[in-house]
Amino acid sequence: QVQLVESGGGSVQAGGSLRLSCAASGYTYRIKYMGWFRQAPGKEREGVAACNVGGSSRSYADSVKGRFTISQDNAKNTAYLQMNSLKPEDTAMYYCAAVLFGPDGGSWSGVLFPTTYHYWGQGTQVTVSS
């Protein structure tokens, strides 16, 4: 019902910045939460940042607080992840995910848990060199 496409990944030196984009299509009016997750080789998928549809609530993993910012442009049906002061340990495949309003919509307490989400993008690679 919702399709998500990430873009904006690439290679950057430590201390640099990248902005990831997540374009949503389909039944975008039903989106309740959007989140960014990442997964490095051999690691489990990790919640990075999430926000509600209005952008009034935001949640971040401790490892990225103060460096990453999640935002959205509802007119463009697009969410963003601004990543500043990047570190080599930020290297991972980054995924966008969405939760829809409805019986399976989850709650705010679960916005950084991958199991909360049922719609995922294909991922975009971020590589940070030292």
N, C-alpha and C. Protein backbone atom coordinates (compact mmCIF):
# COMPACT_ATOMS: atom_id res chain seq x y z
N GLN A 1 0.82 -1.21 0.00
CA GLN A 1 0.00 0.00 0.00
C GLN A 1 0.86 1.26 0.00
N VAL A 2 2.08 1.15 0.48
CA VAL A 2 3.02 2.26 0.50
C VAL A 2 4.35 1.77 -0.04
N GLN A 3 4.93 2.55 -0.93
CA GLN A 3 6.25 2.25 -1.46
C GLN A 3 7.22 3.33 -1.01
N LEU A 4 8.41 2.91 -0.64
CA LEU A 4 9.43 3.82 -0.14
C LEU A 4 10.71 3.64 -0.94
N VAL A 5 11.31 4.74 -1.34
CA VAL A 5 12.54 4.71 -2.11
C VAL A 5 13.54 5.66 -1.47
N GLU A 6 14.66 5.12 -1.01
CA GLU A 6 15.71 5.94 -0.41
C GLU A 6 16.69 6.41 -1.47
N SER A 7 17.32 7.52 -1.19
CA SER A 7 18.39 8.03 -2.03
C SER A 7 19.28 8.93 -1.20
N GLY A 8 20.41 9.30 -1.74
CA GLY A 8 21.30 10.23 -1.08
C GLY A 8 22.51 9.62 -0.41
N GLY A 9 22.59 8.31 -0.40
CA GLY A 9 23.75 7.67 0.19
C GLY A 9 24.99 7.88 -0.66
N GLY A 10 26.11 7.52 -0.10
CA GLY A 10 27.37 7.68 -0.80
C GLY A 10 28.53 7.53 0.15
N SER A 11 29.69 7.94 -0.31
CA SER A 11 30.91 7.88 0.48
C SER A 11 31.32 9.27 0.92
N VAL A 12 31.73 9.39 2.16
CA VAL A 12 32.12 10.67 2.71
C VAL A 12 33.22 10.45 3.74
N GLN A 13 34.06 11.43 3.93
CA GLN A 13 35.10 11.35 4.94
C GLN A 13 34.53 11.65 6.32
N ALA A 14 35.18 11.12 7.34
CA ALA A 14 34.76 11.39 8.70
C ALA A 14 34.66 12.89 8.95
N GLY A 15 33.59 13.29 9.63
CA GLY A 15 33.33 14.69 9.87
C GLY A 15 32.45 15.34 8.84
N GLY A 16 32.22 14.66 7.74
CA GLY A 16 31.39 15.19 6.68
C GLY A 16 29.91 14.99 6.93
N SER A 17 29.12 15.38 5.94
CA SER A 17 27.66 15.33 6.06
C SER A 17 27.03 14.69 4.84
N LEU A 18 25.88 14.09 5.05
CA LEU A 18 25.05 13.57 3.98
C LEU A 18 23.59 13.79 4.36
N ARG A 19 22.74 13.94 3.36
CA ARG A 19 21.31 13.99 3.59
C ARG A 19 20.64 12.89 2.79
N LEU A 20 19.99 11.99 3.50
CA LEU A 20 19.25 10.92 2.88
C LEU A 20 17.81 11.35 2.66
N SER A 21 17.22 10.89 1.57
CA SER A 21 15.83 11.17 1.26
C SER A 21 15.05 9.88 1.16
N CYS A 22 13.80 9.93 1.54
CA CYS A 22 12.89 8.79 1.45
C CYS A 22 11.61 9.28 0.81
N ALA A 23 11.41 8.92 -0.45
CA ALA A 23 10.21 9.31 -1.18
C ALA A 23 9.15 8.24 -1.02
N ALA A 24 7.97 8.64 -0.56
CA ALA A 24 6.87 7.72 -0.33
C ALA A 24 5.81 7.88 -1.42
N SER A 25 5.22 6.78 -1.81
CA SER A 25 4.14 6.80 -2.78
C SER A 25 3.09 5.77 -2.38
N GLY A 26 1.95 5.82 -3.03
CA GLY A 26 0.86 4.95 -2.67
C GLY A 26 -0.07 5.66 -1.70
N TYR A 27 -0.48 4.95 -0.67
CA TYR A 27 -1.41 5.51 0.31
C TYR A 27 -0.66 6.30 1.38
N THR A 28 0.00 7.34 0.95
CA THR A 28 0.83 8.12 1.86
C THR A 28 0.02 8.82 2.93
N TYR A 29 -1.25 9.08 2.67
CA TYR A 29 -2.11 9.74 3.65
C TYR A 29 -2.35 8.88 4.87
N ARG A 30 -2.02 7.61 4.79
CA ARG A 30 -2.21 6.70 5.92
C ARG A 30 -0.95 6.53 6.77
N ILE A 31 0.12 7.19 6.43
CA ILE A 31 1.36 7.03 7.19
C ILE A 31 1.23 7.69 8.55
N LYS A 32 1.59 6.93 9.59
CA LYS A 32 1.54 7.40 10.96
C LYS A 32 2.93 7.78 11.47
N TYR A 33 3.88 6.87 11.30
CA TYR A 33 5.26 7.11 11.68
C TYR A 33 6.17 6.78 10.50
N MET A 34 7.29 7.47 10.44
CA MET A 34 8.35 7.11 9.53
C MET A 34 9.64 7.00 10.32
N GLY A 35 10.45 6.04 9.96
CA GLY A 35 11.69 5.82 10.68
C GLY A 35 12.85 5.54 9.74
N TRP A 36 14.04 5.81 10.25
CA TRP A 36 15.28 5.46 9.58
C TRP A 36 16.01 4.40 10.40
N PHE A 37 16.47 3.38 9.72
CA PHE A 37 17.19 2.28 10.34
C PHE A 37 18.48 2.04 9.57
N ARG A 38 19.41 1.38 10.22
CA ARG A 38 20.65 1.05 9.52
C ARG A 38 21.12 -0.33 9.93
N GLN A 39 21.87 -0.94 9.03
CA GLN A 39 22.40 -2.27 9.29
C GLN A 39 23.76 -2.40 8.65
N ALA A 40 24.75 -2.67 9.46
CA ALA A 40 26.10 -2.93 8.98
C ALA A 40 26.30 -4.43 8.82
N PRO A 41 27.24 -4.86 7.98
CA PRO A 41 27.49 -6.28 7.81
C PRO A 41 27.78 -6.97 9.14
N GLY A 42 27.08 -8.07 9.39
CA GLY A 42 27.28 -8.81 10.62
C GLY A 42 26.62 -8.21 11.84
N LYS A 43 25.89 -7.12 11.67
CA LYS A 43 25.22 -6.45 12.78
C LYS A 43 23.71 -6.55 12.62
N GLU A 44 23.00 -6.39 13.71
CA GLU A 44 21.56 -6.38 13.65
C GLU A 44 21.06 -5.01 13.22
N ARG A 45 19.86 -4.98 12.68
CA ARG A 45 19.28 -3.72 12.25
C ARG A 45 19.00 -2.82 13.45
N GLU A 46 19.38 -1.56 13.31
CA GLU A 46 19.34 -0.61 14.41
C GLU A 46 18.46 0.58 14.07
N GLY A 47 17.57 0.94 14.98
CA GLY A 47 16.78 2.14 14.80
C GLY A 47 17.64 3.38 14.97
N VAL A 48 17.53 4.32 14.05
CA VAL A 48 18.33 5.53 14.05
C VAL A 48 17.51 6.74 14.45
N ALA A 49 16.39 6.95 13.78
CA ALA A 49 15.55 8.12 14.03
C ALA A 49 14.15 7.83 13.54
N ALA A 50 13.17 8.51 14.12
CA ALA A 50 11.78 8.34 13.72
C ALA A 50 11.00 9.60 14.04
N CYS A 51 9.89 9.80 13.33
CA CYS A 51 9.02 10.93 13.60
C CYS A 51 7.59 10.55 13.28
N ASN A 52 6.65 11.28 13.87
CA ASN A 52 5.25 11.09 13.53
C ASN A 52 4.92 11.89 12.28
N VAL A 53 3.74 11.71 11.76
CA VAL A 53 3.40 12.29 10.47
C VAL A 53 3.46 13.81 10.48
N GLY A 54 3.13 14.43 11.62
CA GLY A 54 3.17 15.87 11.71
C GLY A 54 4.52 16.45 12.07
N GLY A 55 5.46 15.59 12.40
CA GLY A 55 6.78 16.05 12.78
C GLY A 55 6.86 16.65 14.16
N SER A 56 5.81 16.51 14.95
CA SER A 56 5.81 17.08 16.28
C SER A 56 6.58 16.24 17.29
N SER A 57 6.79 14.98 16.99
CA SER A 57 7.53 14.09 17.86
C SER A 57 8.66 13.44 17.08
N ARG A 58 9.83 13.41 17.70
CA ARG A 58 11.00 12.81 17.07
C ARG A 58 11.76 12.00 18.10
N SER A 59 12.34 10.92 17.65
CA SER A 59 13.10 10.05 18.52
C SER A 59 14.40 9.68 17.82
N TYR A 60 15.48 9.61 18.59
CA TYR A 60 16.79 9.30 18.05
C TYR A 60 17.51 8.27 18.90
N ALA A 61 18.30 7.46 18.23
CA ALA A 61 19.19 6.58 18.96
C ALA A 61 20.25 7.41 19.67
N ASP A 62 20.69 6.93 20.83
CA ASP A 62 21.69 7.67 21.59
C ASP A 62 22.96 7.92 20.77
N SER A 63 23.30 6.99 19.91
CA SER A 63 24.54 7.09 19.15
C SER A 63 24.54 8.21 18.12
N VAL A 64 23.36 8.75 17.78
CA VAL A 64 23.29 9.78 16.75
C VAL A 64 22.72 11.09 17.26
N LYS A 65 22.31 11.15 18.51
CA LYS A 65 21.74 12.38 19.05
C LYS A 65 22.74 13.53 18.93
N GLY A 66 22.25 14.66 18.47
CA GLY A 66 23.10 15.82 18.29
C GLY A 66 23.79 15.87 16.95
N ARG A 67 23.77 14.77 16.21
CA ARG A 67 24.42 14.71 14.90
C ARG A 67 23.44 14.51 13.75
N PHE A 68 22.39 13.74 13.99
CA PHE A 68 21.42 13.42 12.94
C PHE A 68 20.10 14.14 13.22
N THR A 69 19.39 14.50 12.17
CA THR A 69 18.09 15.13 12.29
C THR A 69 17.13 14.53 11.27
N ILE A 70 15.97 14.08 11.74
CA ILE A 70 14.94 13.60 10.84
C ILE A 70 13.95 14.73 10.59
N SER A 71 13.51 14.86 9.35
CA SER A 71 12.56 15.89 8.98
C SER A 71 11.69 15.38 7.84
N GLN A 72 10.72 16.18 7.45
CA GLN A 72 9.81 15.75 6.41
C GLN A 72 9.28 16.94 5.63
N ASP A 73 8.93 16.68 4.40
CA ASP A 73 8.26 17.64 3.55
C ASP A 73 6.99 16.95 3.08
N ASN A 74 5.89 17.23 3.76
CA ASN A 74 4.65 16.52 3.46
C ASN A 74 4.14 16.82 2.05
N ALA A 75 4.40 18.01 1.56
CA ALA A 75 3.96 18.35 0.21
C ALA A 75 4.63 17.48 -0.83
N LYS A 76 5.83 17.03 -0.54
CA LYS A 76 6.58 16.17 -1.46
C LYS A 76 6.52 14.70 -1.07
N ASN A 77 5.81 14.39 0.01
CA ASN A 77 5.74 13.02 0.52
C ASN A 77 7.13 12.44 0.71
N THR A 78 8.00 13.22 1.30
CA THR A 78 9.39 12.84 1.45
C THR A 78 9.87 13.09 2.87
N ALA A 79 10.60 12.13 3.40
CA ALA A 79 11.27 12.27 4.68
C ALA A 79 12.77 12.35 4.44
N TYR A 80 13.46 12.99 5.36
CA TYR A 80 14.89 13.20 5.22
C TYR A 80 15.62 12.79 6.49
N LEU A 81 16.86 12.43 6.32
CA LEU A 81 17.75 12.22 7.45
C LEU A 81 19.02 13.01 7.17
N GLN A 82 19.17 14.12 7.88
CA GLN A 82 20.38 14.92 7.77
C GLN A 82 21.42 14.35 8.73
N MET A 83 22.55 13.97 8.21
CA MET A 83 23.60 13.34 8.99
C MET A 83 24.83 14.24 8.97
N ASN A 84 25.20 14.75 10.12
CA ASN A 84 26.36 15.60 10.27
C ASN A 84 27.40 14.93 11.15
N SER A 85 28.60 15.44 11.09
CA SER A 85 29.70 14.91 11.91
C SER A 85 29.79 13.40 11.81
N LEU A 86 29.75 12.90 10.60
CA LEU A 86 29.72 11.46 10.39
C LEU A 86 31.00 10.79 10.88
N LYS A 87 30.82 9.59 11.40
CA LYS A 87 31.91 8.79 11.93
C LYS A 87 31.99 7.48 11.17
N PRO A 88 33.16 6.84 11.15
CA PRO A 88 33.26 5.55 10.47
C PRO A 88 32.25 4.53 10.97
N GLU A 89 31.91 4.57 12.24
CA GLU A 89 30.94 3.63 12.76
C GLU A 89 29.52 3.87 12.27
N ASP A 90 29.29 4.98 11.56
CA ASP A 90 28.00 5.22 10.93
C ASP A 90 27.86 4.47 9.61
N THR A 91 28.92 3.86 9.14
CA THR A 91 28.88 3.11 7.89
C THR A 91 27.87 1.98 7.99
N ALA A 92 26.92 1.94 7.06
CA ALA A 92 25.87 0.93 7.08
C ALA A 92 24.97 1.13 5.87
N MET A 93 24.10 0.15 5.65
CA MET A 93 23.00 0.33 4.74
C MET A 93 21.87 0.99 5.52
N TYR A 94 21.36 2.08 5.00
CA TYR A 94 20.31 2.82 5.68
C TYR A 94 18.97 2.57 5.00
N TYR A 95 17.96 2.28 5.81
CA TYR A 95 16.63 1.96 5.32
C TYR A 95 15.60 2.92 5.87
N CYS A 96 14.65 3.27 5.04
CA CYS A 96 13.48 4.03 5.45
C CYS A 96 12.33 3.06 5.68
N ALA A 97 11.50 3.33 6.67
CA ALA A 97 10.37 2.47 6.97
C ALA A 97 9.16 3.31 7.37
N ALA A 98 7.97 2.72 7.23
CA ALA A 98 6.74 3.44 7.53
C ALA A 98 5.76 2.54 8.26
N VAL A 99 4.98 3.17 9.13
CA VAL A 99 3.86 2.53 9.82
C VAL A 99 2.60 3.29 9.44
N LEU A 100 1.53 2.57 9.15
CA LEU A 100 0.28 3.18 8.74
C LEU A 100 -0.71 3.26 9.90
N PHE A 101 -1.60 4.24 9.85
CA PHE A 101 -2.71 4.27 10.78
C PHE A 101 -3.56 3.03 10.62
N GLY A 102 -4.04 2.50 11.71
CA GLY A 102 -4.89 1.33 11.68
C GLY A 102 -4.62 0.41 12.85
N PRO A 103 -5.26 -0.75 12.84
CA PRO A 103 -5.11 -1.69 13.96
C PRO A 103 -3.67 -2.12 14.20
N ASP A 104 -2.85 -2.14 13.17
CA ASP A 104 -1.46 -2.55 13.29
C ASP A 104 -0.51 -1.36 13.29
N GLY A 105 -1.01 -0.20 13.67
CA GLY A 105 -0.23 1.01 13.56
C GLY A 105 0.85 1.20 14.60
N GLY A 106 0.86 0.37 15.62
CA GLY A 106 1.89 0.49 16.64
C GLY A 106 1.68 1.70 17.53
N SER A 107 2.66 1.95 18.37
CA SER A 107 2.63 3.08 19.28
C SER A 107 3.98 3.76 19.29
N TRP A 108 4.02 4.97 19.83
CA TRP A 108 5.23 5.77 19.82
C TRP A 108 6.39 5.06 20.52
N SER A 109 6.10 4.28 21.53
CA SER A 109 7.16 3.62 22.27
C SER A 109 7.96 2.64 21.43
N GLY A 110 7.42 2.24 20.29
CA GLY A 110 8.10 1.27 19.44
C GLY A 110 8.71 1.82 18.17
N VAL A 111 8.84 3.13 18.06
CA VAL A 111 9.24 3.72 16.78
C VAL A 111 10.68 3.45 16.38
N LEU A 112 11.51 3.02 17.30
CA LEU A 112 12.89 2.70 16.97
C LEU A 112 13.15 1.19 16.93
N PHE A 113 12.09 0.42 16.92
CA PHE A 113 12.20 -1.03 16.83
C PHE A 113 11.77 -1.48 15.44
N PRO A 114 12.62 -2.22 14.74
CA PRO A 114 12.27 -2.64 13.38
C PRO A 114 10.97 -3.43 13.28
N THR A 115 10.63 -4.20 14.31
CA THR A 115 9.43 -5.02 14.25
C THR A 115 8.16 -4.20 14.22
N THR A 116 8.23 -2.93 14.52
CA THR A 116 7.07 -2.05 14.47
C THR A 116 6.64 -1.78 13.03
N TYR A 117 7.56 -1.89 12.10
CA TYR A 117 7.35 -1.44 10.73
C TYR A 117 7.07 -2.58 9.76
N HIS A 118 6.19 -2.30 8.82
CA HIS A 118 5.82 -3.29 7.81
C HIS A 118 6.15 -2.86 6.39
N TYR A 119 6.53 -1.61 6.20
CA TYR A 119 6.87 -1.11 4.88
C TYR A 119 8.28 -0.57 4.91
N TRP A 120 9.09 -1.05 3.97
CA TRP A 120 10.52 -0.74 3.94
C TRP A 120 10.97 -0.36 2.54
N GLY A 121 11.94 0.53 2.49
CA GLY A 121 12.60 0.84 1.24
C GLY A 121 13.69 -0.16 0.95
N GLN A 122 14.36 0.03 -0.18
CA GLN A 122 15.38 -0.91 -0.62
C GLN A 122 16.74 -0.67 0.03
N GLY A 123 16.92 0.47 0.65
CA GLY A 123 18.17 0.80 1.31
C GLY A 123 19.08 1.64 0.46
N THR A 124 19.91 2.43 1.12
CA THR A 124 20.94 3.21 0.45
C THR A 124 22.20 3.14 1.29
N GLN A 125 23.32 2.91 0.64
CA GLN A 125 24.57 2.67 1.35
C GLN A 125 25.24 3.98 1.75
N VAL A 126 25.69 4.03 2.99
CA VAL A 126 26.47 5.14 3.51
C VAL A 126 27.81 4.59 3.98
N THR A 127 28.88 5.14 3.45
CA THR A 127 30.22 4.71 3.82
C THR A 127 31.01 5.92 4.29
N VAL A 128 31.54 5.84 5.50
CA VAL A 128 32.30 6.93 6.10
C VAL A 128 33.73 6.44 6.29
N SER A 129 34.66 7.12 5.68
CA SER A 129 36.06 6.74 5.77
C SER A 129 36.77 7.60 6.81
N SER A 130 37.77 7.03 7.44
CA SER A 130 38.53 7.74 8.45
C SER A 130 39.65 8.53 7.83
